[in-house]
Protein backbone atom coordinates (compact mmCIF):
# COMPACT_ATOMS: atom_id res chain seq x y z
CA MET A 1 -29.84 65.56 61.52
CA LEU A 2 -29.74 62.35 59.91
CA PRO A 3 -31.00 61.13 56.71
CA LEU A 4 -34.50 60.10 56.06
CA ALA A 5 -35.83 57.48 53.93
CA LYS A 6 -38.91 57.57 52.46
CA ILE A 7 -41.39 54.21 52.28
CA ARG A 8 -43.99 54.34 50.12
CA VAL A 9 -46.25 51.14 51.36
CA THR A 10 -48.68 49.46 48.80
CA TRP A 11 -51.25 46.68 49.81
CA GLY A 12 -53.81 45.50 47.78
CA ASN A 13 -57.01 48.84 46.65
CA HIS A 14 -55.80 50.23 49.92
CA ASP A 15 -54.71 53.68 49.28
CA PRO A 16 -50.43 53.89 49.74
CA ARG A 17 -48.94 55.75 52.59
CA ILE A 18 -45.64 57.23 53.35
CA PHE A 19 -43.79 57.00 56.05
CA ALA A 20 -40.29 59.04 56.26
CA ILE A 21 -37.75 56.97 58.84
CA HIS A 22 -34.01 58.11 59.90
CA SER A 23 -31.91 55.55 56.83
CA ASN A 24 -29.61 54.89 59.41
CA ILE A 25 -32.30 53.24 61.99
CA LEU A 26 -33.06 51.43 58.54
CA LYS A 27 -29.39 49.87 57.47
CA HIS A 28 -29.14 49.07 61.12
CA CYS A 29 -31.84 47.10 62.78
CA SER A 30 -32.65 45.36 58.43
CA PRO A 31 -30.71 44.05 56.06
CA PHE A 32 -33.21 44.01 53.80
CA PHE A 33 -33.59 47.49 54.35
CA LYS A 34 -29.76 48.27 54.05
CA THR A 35 -29.10 46.73 50.57
CA LEU A 36 -31.90 48.54 48.91
CA LEU A 37 -30.61 51.52 50.47
CA GLN A 38 -26.57 51.10 50.21
CA SER A 39 -27.30 49.95 46.53
CA ASP A 40 -29.94 52.94 45.66
CA THR A 41 -27.42 55.45 46.77
CA GLU A 42 -24.64 53.73 44.92
CA ALA A 43 -26.52 53.20 41.46
CA VAL A 44 -26.93 56.71 41.31
CA GLY A 45 -23.35 57.95 42.12
CA ILE A 46 -24.88 60.04 45.21
CA LYS A 47 -22.10 58.17 47.65
CA SER A 48 -19.62 59.76 45.39
CA GLU A 49 -20.97 63.45 45.14
CA ILE A 50 -20.93 62.94 49.86
CA GLU A 51 -17.41 62.24 49.48
CA GLU A 52 -16.31 64.86 47.52
CA GLY A 53 -18.60 67.73 49.24
CA ARG A 54 -20.87 68.33 46.80
CA LEU A 55 -23.70 66.86 48.38
CA SER A 56 -24.33 66.47 52.36
CA GLU A 57 -25.78 63.00 54.02
CA PRO A 58 -28.59 64.85 55.22
CA ASP A 59 -29.62 65.90 51.63
CA ILE A 60 -30.74 62.17 50.55
CA THR A 61 -33.96 61.83 50.56
CA PRO A 62 -34.56 57.75 48.61
CA THR A 63 -38.25 56.79 48.12
CA ILE A 64 -38.32 53.13 48.89
CA GLU A 65 -41.73 51.13 47.05
CA PHE A 66 -42.60 48.68 49.16
CA GLU A 67 -45.74 46.22 49.16
CA GLY A 68 -47.02 44.80 51.74
CA SER A 69 -49.77 45.56 54.68
CA ILE A 70 -49.46 49.03 55.84
CA ILE A 71 -50.70 47.99 59.12
CA ALA A 72 -47.54 45.64 59.53
CA PHE A 73 -45.29 48.34 58.36
CA ARG A 74 -46.21 50.60 60.94
CA LEU A 75 -46.62 48.39 63.59
CA TYR A 76 -42.13 47.69 62.20
CA THR A 77 -40.97 51.42 62.23
CA GLU A 78 -42.70 51.43 66.12
């Protein structure tokens, strides 16, 4: 099982939508998300816990707040 990232997309007065996407795919396809996901795991010390075997990588589910068009983001993920 690959680790999932949760992206919470907000846009204007619309209800926010949450997308769950494999972190590896986001990192591979987008330098923007690669930077966000790497800094997120390093900032909270998760990377060292993975390396020490105390936490398995599939357990990581960072939530990223993203402001933009929900429709455009849905198309991007497809």
